[in-house]
Amino acid sequence: MIKKKIASFKKRIIFVHLLKKSLHMRNVARILFVFPPLFLLPFFSFGGNPLLANAGTAQTLCHCDTITLGGTIANPTASGGTPPYTYHWAPRTGMGSDSITSNPKAWVCSTTTFTLTVVDNTGRTVIDSVKISLDNISSVNAGTNVSICPYIGKAKLGASGNPPGDIYKWSPANGLNFTNIGNPTVSASGLTAPVTTYTLIASDANCSDTTTVNVTLLPPAPISTVSPLTINRGQSVQLSASGGTNYFWTPSNTLSDSTIANPIASPSKTTTYIVVDQDAAGCIGIDSVIVNVTPDSGLIFFNTFTPNHDGINDTWYIGNIDLYPNNEVTVYNRWGSIVFQAYGYLNTWDGTSSGTNLPDATYYYLVYTGTGGKYEGAVTIIRKPQ
């Protein structure tokens, strides 16, 4: 059988239960039940006037800032119990001596939970806390200023730490592959100004932040050419580029070498040659040369004659050469020796050199028209038996 005994000890209600032998135990046990539990005594109120603490309302800050903790006039930091009250805030970082006041000012630069302990005049204690969050929008970064080469240069803007859940807006849009991501790529092909300032606005449900970054467009590699040039059909001309380090010409199929500064061009029609130069910084420069090719001159070159005095095809001449009175005609043998040379209208060749018949062979002519035209070719002497 269980009996009860009620005792009073400093306003605490203590229930003492004696366990009788009827519970089949060898010894009598005394079990003390304390109400309220000892660990709740500091927070338990008596007399119908509970002690209350109000650490304030949770907030989300967009940037590091100074805020005021605790309650308001309508809902004070401490109420009930027996005034006056003492206050203890923790952590004290950013508060200083304010940590023992009802509404301290705190410098917050990271998400922090502040705990308030209120003690009234009778020693009763109550605790409350408030969480002050720092929105990660404060870490938005447009990246460091960059410089890119013209024409083909590219760079990634923004920083790797930009929060993935934020909403991004970049402006202006020119040169960017996207304007609504944290790390767009800027291309030189979309830029015209020497320096472009991009503005980044990042926002989330609570905050927004604005920052900028400059993109500098480097000057092209120095390069200069001589243009235009004019040649007759069949002629060649030397192109010229200067100021660069490495060159590449296109189209290359009519050039002697497409990777040098001064290649020989032999186009059959008017052609625009593009030259690209790359400097030590990796930037390129672009220029062009136009080579105008004049139509055929109307000259007719025969490649064979038979100087055997039969009155048929005994001499070699150039058709329509009379259109160029200042012409110069030179014929060479295969060893490079001159065997015939004439100027003006007296340019018919009978297959002799200094009055001596030349042997049957192939000879090579070089003709200057006197107007800038140059023609080269071969002619063969074939003598028929008498």
Protein backbone atom coordinates (compact mmCIF):
# COMPACT_ATOMS: atom_id res chain seq x y z
CA MET A 1 0.00 0.00 0.00
CA ILE A 2 1.30 3.48 -0.93
CA LYS A 3 0.99 6.37 1.53
CA LYS A 4 1.58 10.10 0.76
CA LYS A 5 3.20 12.83 2.78
CA ILE A 6 3.28 16.44 1.68
CA ALA A 7 6.07 18.76 2.83
CA SER A 8 6.92 22.38 2.08
CA PHE A 9 10.45 23.55 1.29
CA LYS A 10 11.01 27.14 0.07
CA LYS A 11 7.75 27.30 -1.87
CA ARG A 12 8.47 24.00 -3.52
CA ILE A 13 5.89 21.20 -3.40
CA ILE A 14 7.62 17.97 -2.44
CA PHE A 15 5.91 14.68 -2.74
CA VAL A 16 7.33 11.91 -0.59
CA HIS A 17 6.24 8.44 -1.42
CA LEU A 18 7.06 5.59 0.90
CA LEU A 19 7.27 2.29 -0.78
CA LYS A 20 5.94 -0.43 1.42
CA LYS A 21 7.12 -3.99 1.69
CA SER A 22 3.86 -4.96 0.05
CA LEU A 23 5.65 -4.22 -3.27
CA HIS A 24 7.71 -7.32 -2.57
CA MET A 25 10.94 -5.38 -2.02
CA ARG A 26 13.36 -6.23 0.77
CA ASN A 27 14.00 -2.63 1.88
CA VAL A 28 11.80 0.39 2.11
CA ALA A 29 12.77 2.99 -0.54
CA ARG A 30 12.13 6.70 -0.41
CA ILE A 31 11.60 8.39 -3.76
CA LEU A 32 11.51 12.19 -3.89
CA PHE A 33 9.44 13.78 -6.62
CA VAL A 34 10.00 17.53 -6.92
CA PHE A 35 7.51 19.74 -8.77
CA PRO A 36 8.34 21.74 -10.66
CA PRO A 37 11.63 20.00 -11.69
CA LEU A 38 14.70 21.72 -10.32
CA PHE A 39 16.11 22.63 -13.75
CA LEU A 40 12.92 24.56 -14.56
CA LEU A 41 12.77 26.53 -11.31
CA PRO A 42 14.55 29.62 -12.70
CA PHE A 43 11.89 29.92 -15.40
CA PHE A 44 8.86 28.95 -13.40
CA SER A 45 6.68 31.81 -12.28
CA PHE A 46 4.69 32.08 -9.11
CA GLY A 47 1.91 34.34 -8.16
CA GLY A 48 0.37 34.59 -11.70
CA ASN A 49 2.90 37.19 -13.00
CA PRO A 50 5.30 35.29 -15.29
CA LEU A 51 8.70 36.77 -16.15
CA LEU A 52 9.01 37.24 -19.95
CA ALA A 53 11.97 38.06 -22.19
CA ASN A 54 11.85 39.39 -25.76
CA ALA A 55 15.13 39.27 -27.69
CA GLY A 56 13.49 40.88 -30.72
CA THR A 57 12.35 39.84 -34.16
CA ALA A 58 14.50 37.74 -36.47
CA GLN A 59 15.95 39.76 -39.34
CA THR A 60 17.79 39.21 -42.61
CA LEU A 61 20.44 41.79 -43.47
CA CYS A 62 21.64 42.47 -46.98
CA HIS A 63 25.03 43.79 -45.83
CA CYS A 64 27.08 44.13 -42.68
CA ASP A 65 25.20 46.61 -40.53
CA THR A 66 24.52 47.92 -37.01
CA ILE A 67 21.15 46.86 -35.64
CA THR A 68 19.22 47.30 -32.37
CA LEU A 69 18.31 44.11 -30.51
CA GLY A 70 15.52 43.52 -28.02
CA GLY A 71 11.90 44.57 -27.82
CA THR A 72 9.89 47.71 -28.37
CA ILE A 73 7.73 49.96 -26.24
CA ALA A 74 4.70 47.88 -27.14
CA ASN A 75 6.50 44.61 -26.58
CA PRO A 76 9.43 45.36 -24.25
CA THR A 77 12.61 43.37 -23.81
CA ALA A 78 11.56 42.26 -20.31
CA SER A 79 8.15 42.19 -18.65
CA GLY A 80 6.34 40.53 -15.77
CA GLY A 81 8.12 39.17 -12.74
CA THR A 82 9.47 41.71 -10.27
CA PRO A 83 11.36 44.71 -11.73
CA PRO A 84 14.00 45.99 -11.96
CA TYR A 85 15.66 43.67 -14.47
CA THR A 86 19.22 42.90 -15.41
CA TYR A 87 20.17 41.96 -18.97
CA HIS A 88 22.95 39.81 -20.37
CA TRP A 89 23.41 39.42 -24.13
CA ALA A 90 25.68 36.90 -25.79
CA PRO A 91 27.78 36.85 -27.83
CA ARG A 92 29.06 40.28 -26.85
CA THR A 93 31.10 40.71 -30.05
CA GLY A 94 30.15 43.96 -31.73
CA MET A 95 28.24 45.25 -28.64
CA GLY A 96 30.81 46.32 -26.08
CA SER A 97 29.24 47.74 -22.91
CA ASP A 98 25.80 47.63 -24.56
CA SER A 99 25.63 43.90 -23.83
CA ILE A 100 24.04 44.60 -20.42
CA THR A 101 21.33 46.95 -21.68
CA SER A 102 17.80 46.14 -22.77
CA ASN A 103 18.26 47.28 -26.39
CA PRO A 104 21.93 47.03 -27.32
CA LYS A 105 23.33 48.02 -30.70
CA ALA A 106 25.25 45.22 -32.37
CA TRP A 107 27.49 45.23 -35.44
CA VAL A 108 26.53 42.16 -37.47
CA CYS A 109 28.70 40.91 -40.32
CA SER A 110 27.77 37.21 -40.31
CA THR A 111 24.70 35.19 -39.43
CA THR A 112 24.48 35.25 -35.61
CA THR A 113 22.06 33.98 -32.98
CA PHE A 114 21.95 36.37 -30.00
CA THR A 115 20.87 34.97 -26.62
CA LEU A 116 19.25 37.25 -24.02
CA THR A 117 19.15 36.36 -20.32
CA VAL A 118 16.83 38.42 -18.13
CA VAL A 119 16.98 38.25 -14.30
CA ASP A 120 14.34 40.03 -12.17
CA ASN A 121 14.68 41.43 -8.65
CA THR A 122 13.80 38.11 -7.00
CA GLY A 123 16.46 36.21 -8.92
CA ARG A 124 14.13 34.56 -11.35
CA THR A 125 15.67 34.06 -14.79
CA VAL A 126 14.27 33.75 -18.29
CA ILE A 127 16.05 33.28 -21.64
CA ASP A 128 15.14 34.22 -25.22
CA SER A 129 17.11 34.31 -28.47
CA VAL A 130 16.91 35.90 -31.88
CA LYS A 131 18.64 34.99 -35.14
CA ILE A 132 20.06 37.76 -37.34
CA SER A 133 20.90 36.38 -40.78
CA LEU A 134 23.26 37.91 -43.33
CA ASP A 135 22.03 37.31 -46.87
CA ASN A 136 24.73 35.83 -49.10
CA ILE A 137 23.83 38.35 -51.78
CA SER A 138 26.47 40.49 -50.12
CA SER A 139 29.14 38.25 -51.72
CA VAL A 140 28.16 39.05 -55.32
CA ASN A 141 31.20 39.90 -57.43
CA ALA A 142 31.50 41.10 -61.01
CA GLY A 143 35.12 39.93 -61.07
CA THR A 144 38.36 41.83 -61.59
CA ASN A 145 38.91 44.26 -64.46
CA VAL A 146 40.18 42.46 -67.58
CA SER A 147 41.85 43.31 -70.89
CA ILE A 148 41.22 41.31 -74.06
CA CYS A 149 42.70 41.28 -77.55
CA PRO A 150 40.60 42.64 -80.43
CA TYR A 151 38.77 40.47 -82.97
CA ILE A 152 39.03 37.08 -81.23
CA GLY A 153 39.68 37.86 -77.54
CA LYS A 154 37.35 36.47 -74.84
CA ALA A 155 37.13 36.61 -71.04
CA LYS A 156 34.82 35.28 -68.32
CA LEU A 157 33.26 37.87 -66.03
CA GLY A 158 32.02 37.44 -62.47
CA ALA A 159 33.55 35.46 -59.64
CA SER A 160 33.36 31.76 -58.82
CA GLY A 161 31.70 32.54 -55.47
CA ASN A 162 28.53 34.05 -56.92
CA PRO A 163 25.57 32.22 -55.29
CA PRO A 164 23.83 29.94 -57.83
CA GLY A 165 20.31 30.75 -56.63
CA ASP A 166 20.46 34.49 -57.21
CA ILE A 167 18.92 36.38 -60.12
CA TYR A 168 21.51 38.18 -62.25
CA LYS A 169 21.21 41.01 -64.74
CA TRP A 170 24.21 42.38 -66.68
CA SER A 171 24.23 45.54 -68.75
CA PRO A 172 25.03 46.57 -71.40
CA ALA A 173 24.41 43.37 -73.32
CA ASN A 174 26.86 43.96 -76.17
CA GLY A 175 29.67 41.44 -76.27
CA LEU A 176 28.08 39.08 -73.68
CA ASN A 177 26.90 35.56 -74.48
CA PHE A 178 24.27 35.77 -71.67
CA THR A 179 23.03 38.60 -69.46
CA ASN A 180 21.20 36.51 -66.84
CA ILE A 181 23.92 34.26 -65.41
CA GLY A 182 26.57 34.83 -62.78
CA ASN A 183 29.57 34.25 -65.04
CA PRO A 184 28.97 35.33 -68.65
CA THR A 185 31.67 35.42 -71.34
CA VAL A 186 32.54 38.67 -73.09
CA SER A 187 33.83 38.56 -76.67
CA ALA A 188 35.88 41.28 -78.34
CA SER A 189 33.87 40.89 -81.54
CA GLY A 190 30.93 42.59 -79.82
CA LEU A 191 32.88 45.55 -78.43
CA THR A 192 33.59 48.90 -80.07
CA ALA A 193 34.69 51.20 -77.23
CA PRO A 194 38.23 51.05 -75.80
CA VAL A 195 36.75 50.46 -72.32
CA THR A 196 33.32 49.00 -71.54
CA THR A 197 31.93 49.15 -67.98
CA TYR A 198 29.54 46.30 -67.21
CA THR A 199 27.06 46.64 -64.35
CA LEU A 200 25.88 43.53 -62.50
CA ILE A 201 22.70 43.58 -60.41
CA ALA A 202 22.16 40.45 -58.32
CA SER A 203 19.01 39.85 -56.28
CA ASP A 204 17.23 37.19 -54.29
CA ALA A 205 14.02 37.09 -52.25
CA ASN A 206 15.36 39.58 -49.70
CA CYS A 207 18.12 41.74 -51.12
CA SER A 208 19.84 43.08 -54.20
CA ASP A 209 23.38 44.24 -54.85
CA THR A 210 25.06 46.19 -57.64
CA THR A 211 28.68 46.11 -58.73
CA THR A 212 30.72 46.87 -61.86
CA VAL A 213 33.70 45.61 -63.83
CA ASN A 214 35.70 47.17 -66.68
CA VAL A 215 36.70 45.36 -69.87
CA THR A 216 39.50 47.02 -71.83
CA LEU A 217 39.86 46.30 -75.55
CA LEU A 218 43.58 46.16 -76.33
CA PRO A 219 44.83 47.77 -79.56
CA PRO A 220 45.41 45.43 -82.51
CA ALA A 221 48.89 44.29 -83.36
CA PRO A 222 50.61 46.98 -85.48
CA ILE A 223 50.63 46.23 -89.20
CA SER A 224 50.76 48.28 -92.40
CA THR A 225 50.71 47.46 -96.11
CA VAL A 226 51.06 49.15 -99.49
CA SER A 227 47.86 49.04 -101.51
CA PRO A 228 46.56 48.99 -104.18
CA LEU A 229 48.94 47.46 -106.68
CA THR A 230 48.36 47.02 -110.42
CA ILE A 231 49.84 44.43 -112.76
CA ASN A 232 49.11 43.04 -116.21
CA ARG A 233 47.81 39.54 -116.57
CA GLY A 234 50.70 37.12 -116.31
CA GLN A 235 52.81 39.41 -114.18
CA SER A 236 53.88 39.05 -110.54
CA VAL A 237 54.27 41.63 -107.80
CA GLN A 238 55.81 41.68 -104.34
CA LEU A 239 53.45 42.37 -101.44
CA SER A 240 54.68 44.19 -98.36
CA ALA A 241 53.60 44.18 -94.70
CA SER A 242 55.44 45.71 -91.77
CA GLY A 243 55.15 46.35 -88.05
CA GLY A 244 54.31 42.81 -86.98
CA THR A 245 56.01 39.70 -85.69
CA ASN A 246 54.25 36.74 -87.30
CA TYR A 247 52.37 36.96 -90.60
CA PHE A 248 49.81 34.87 -92.41
CA TRP A 249 48.47 35.81 -95.87
CA THR A 250 45.33 34.51 -97.54
CA PRO A 251 44.48 33.37 -100.17
CA SER A 252 47.79 31.58 -100.24
CA ASN A 253 47.54 29.60 -103.51
CA THR A 254 48.96 32.46 -105.64
CA LEU A 255 51.69 33.47 -103.19
CA SER A 256 55.30 32.37 -103.03
CA ASP A 257 55.10 32.07 -99.22
CA SER A 258 52.07 32.93 -97.07
CA THR A 259 54.04 33.21 -93.80
CA ILE A 260 56.52 36.00 -94.60
CA ALA A 261 56.16 39.77 -94.64
CA ASN A 262 56.93 40.19 -98.37
CA PRO A 263 55.62 37.31 -100.51
CA ILE A 264 55.45 37.35 -104.33
CA ALA A 265 51.88 37.39 -105.64
CA SER A 266 50.97 36.06 -109.08
CA PRO A 267 47.20 36.38 -109.38
CA SER A 268 45.42 35.77 -112.67
CA LYS A 269 42.64 38.16 -111.74
CA THR A 270 42.15 41.10 -109.38
CA THR A 271 42.61 39.73 -105.85
CA THR A 272 42.38 41.10 -102.31
CA TYR A 273 45.01 39.56 -100.04
CA ILE A 274 44.33 39.58 -96.28
CA VAL A 275 47.32 39.61 -93.95
CA VAL A 276 47.05 38.77 -90.23
CA ASP A 277 49.80 39.62 -87.78
CA GLN A 278 50.21 38.41 -84.19
CA ASP A 279 52.21 40.36 -81.61
CA ALA A 280 54.02 39.19 -78.49
CA ALA A 281 50.88 39.67 -76.35
CA GLY A 282 48.93 37.28 -78.56
CA CYS A 283 46.81 40.03 -80.13
CA ILE A 284 46.32 40.15 -83.87
CA GLY A 285 46.26 42.90 -86.47
CA ILE A 286 44.53 42.67 -89.84
CA ASP A 287 45.19 44.54 -93.07
CA SER A 288 44.68 43.93 -96.77
CA VAL A 289 46.33 44.52 -100.15
CA ILE A 290 44.40 44.78 -103.42
CA VAL A 291 46.24 43.62 -106.53
CA ASN A 292 44.47 44.84 -109.67
CA VAL A 293 45.09 42.68 -112.73
CA THR A 294 44.51 44.45 -116.05
CA PRO A 295 42.92 42.49 -118.91
CA ASP A 296 45.03 40.78 -121.58
CA SER A 297 47.10 43.31 -123.55
CA GLY A 298 46.24 41.84 -126.94
CA LEU A 299 49.82 40.67 -127.55
CA ILE A 300 50.16 37.40 -129.43
CA PHE A 301 53.17 35.19 -128.68
CA PHE A 302 54.06 32.39 -131.08
CA ASN A 303 55.94 29.46 -129.59
CA THR A 304 57.59 28.01 -132.77
CA PHE A 305 59.13 29.21 -136.06
CA THR A 306 61.18 27.61 -138.90
CA PRO A 307 63.94 29.93 -140.16
CA ASN A 308 64.98 27.91 -143.26
CA HIS A 309 64.37 30.66 -145.85
CA ASP A 310 61.48 28.93 -147.58
CA GLY A 311 59.29 31.98 -147.09
CA ILE A 312 57.04 30.20 -144.64
CA ASN A 313 57.23 31.03 -140.93
CA ASP A 314 60.86 32.12 -141.31
CA THR A 315 60.79 34.70 -138.49
CA TRP A 316 59.46 35.07 -134.97
CA TYR A 317 57.47 38.13 -134.13
CA ILE A 318 55.00 39.28 -131.51
CA GLY A 319 51.48 40.07 -132.66
CA ASN A 320 50.21 43.58 -131.86
CA ILE A 321 53.59 44.63 -130.45
CA ASP A 322 53.17 47.81 -132.45
CA LEU A 323 50.65 48.91 -129.79
CA TYR A 324 53.63 49.37 -127.47
CA PRO A 325 56.24 51.52 -129.25
CA ASN A 326 58.47 51.60 -126.15
CA ASN A 327 58.72 47.84 -125.84
CA GLU A 328 61.86 45.85 -125.14
CA VAL A 329 62.32 42.27 -126.32
CA THR A 330 65.15 39.99 -125.10
CA VAL A 331 65.72 36.32 -126.00
CA TYR A 332 68.00 33.99 -123.97
CA ASN A 333 69.40 30.53 -124.60
CA ARG A 334 69.12 27.86 -121.98
CA TRP A 335 72.36 29.00 -120.33
CA GLY A 336 71.03 32.52 -119.84
CA SER A 337 73.06 34.20 -122.57
CA ILE A 338 71.33 36.85 -124.65
CA VAL A 339 70.99 35.77 -128.29
CA PHE A 340 68.59 38.50 -129.45
CA GLN A 341 67.56 41.91 -128.19
CA ALA A 342 65.43 44.61 -129.82
CA TYR A 343 63.55 47.82 -129.01
CA GLY A 344 60.53 49.55 -130.48
CA TYR A 345 59.20 48.28 -133.77
CA LEU A 346 62.39 46.50 -134.92
CA ASN A 347 61.76 43.30 -132.99
CA THR A 348 61.37 40.59 -135.64
CA TRP A 349 63.86 37.76 -135.05
CA ASP A 350 65.21 35.52 -137.82
CA GLY A 351 66.75 32.88 -135.56
CA THR A 352 70.31 34.19 -135.77
CA SER A 353 72.67 35.72 -133.23
CA SER A 354 75.25 38.16 -134.54
CA GLY A 355 74.52 36.91 -138.07
CA THR A 356 75.01 33.23 -137.23
CA ASN A 357 72.22 30.68 -137.43
CA LEU A 358 71.28 29.33 -134.00
CA PRO A 359 70.79 25.59 -133.57
CA ASP A 360 67.37 24.05 -133.21
CA ALA A 361 66.45 24.47 -129.53
CA THR A 362 64.07 26.16 -127.14
CA TYR A 363 64.82 29.78 -126.26
CA TYR A 364 63.28 32.04 -123.63
CA TYR A 365 61.94 35.55 -124.11
CA LEU A 366 61.31 38.44 -121.77
CA VAL A 367 59.12 41.30 -123.02
CA TYR A 368 58.55 44.67 -121.39
CA THR A 369 55.77 46.71 -122.96
CA GLY A 370 57.03 50.05 -121.72
CA THR A 371 53.72 50.62 -119.92
CA GLY A 372 54.38 48.37 -116.94
CA GLY A 373 53.59 45.08 -118.66
CA LYS A 374 55.98 42.16 -118.40
CA TYR A 375 55.69 38.86 -120.26
CA GLU A 376 57.80 35.73 -120.20
CA GLY A 377 57.66 32.60 -122.28
CA ALA A 378 59.46 30.15 -124.59
CA VAL A 379 59.94 29.86 -128.34
CA THR A 380 61.41 26.90 -130.26
CA ILE A 381 63.48 26.98 -133.46
CA ILE A 382 62.87 24.08 -135.87
CA ARG A 383 64.73 24.20 -139.20
CA LYS A 384 63.32 22.17 -142.08
CA PRO A 385 65.78 20.40 -144.39
CA GLN A 386 66.58 22.39 -147.58
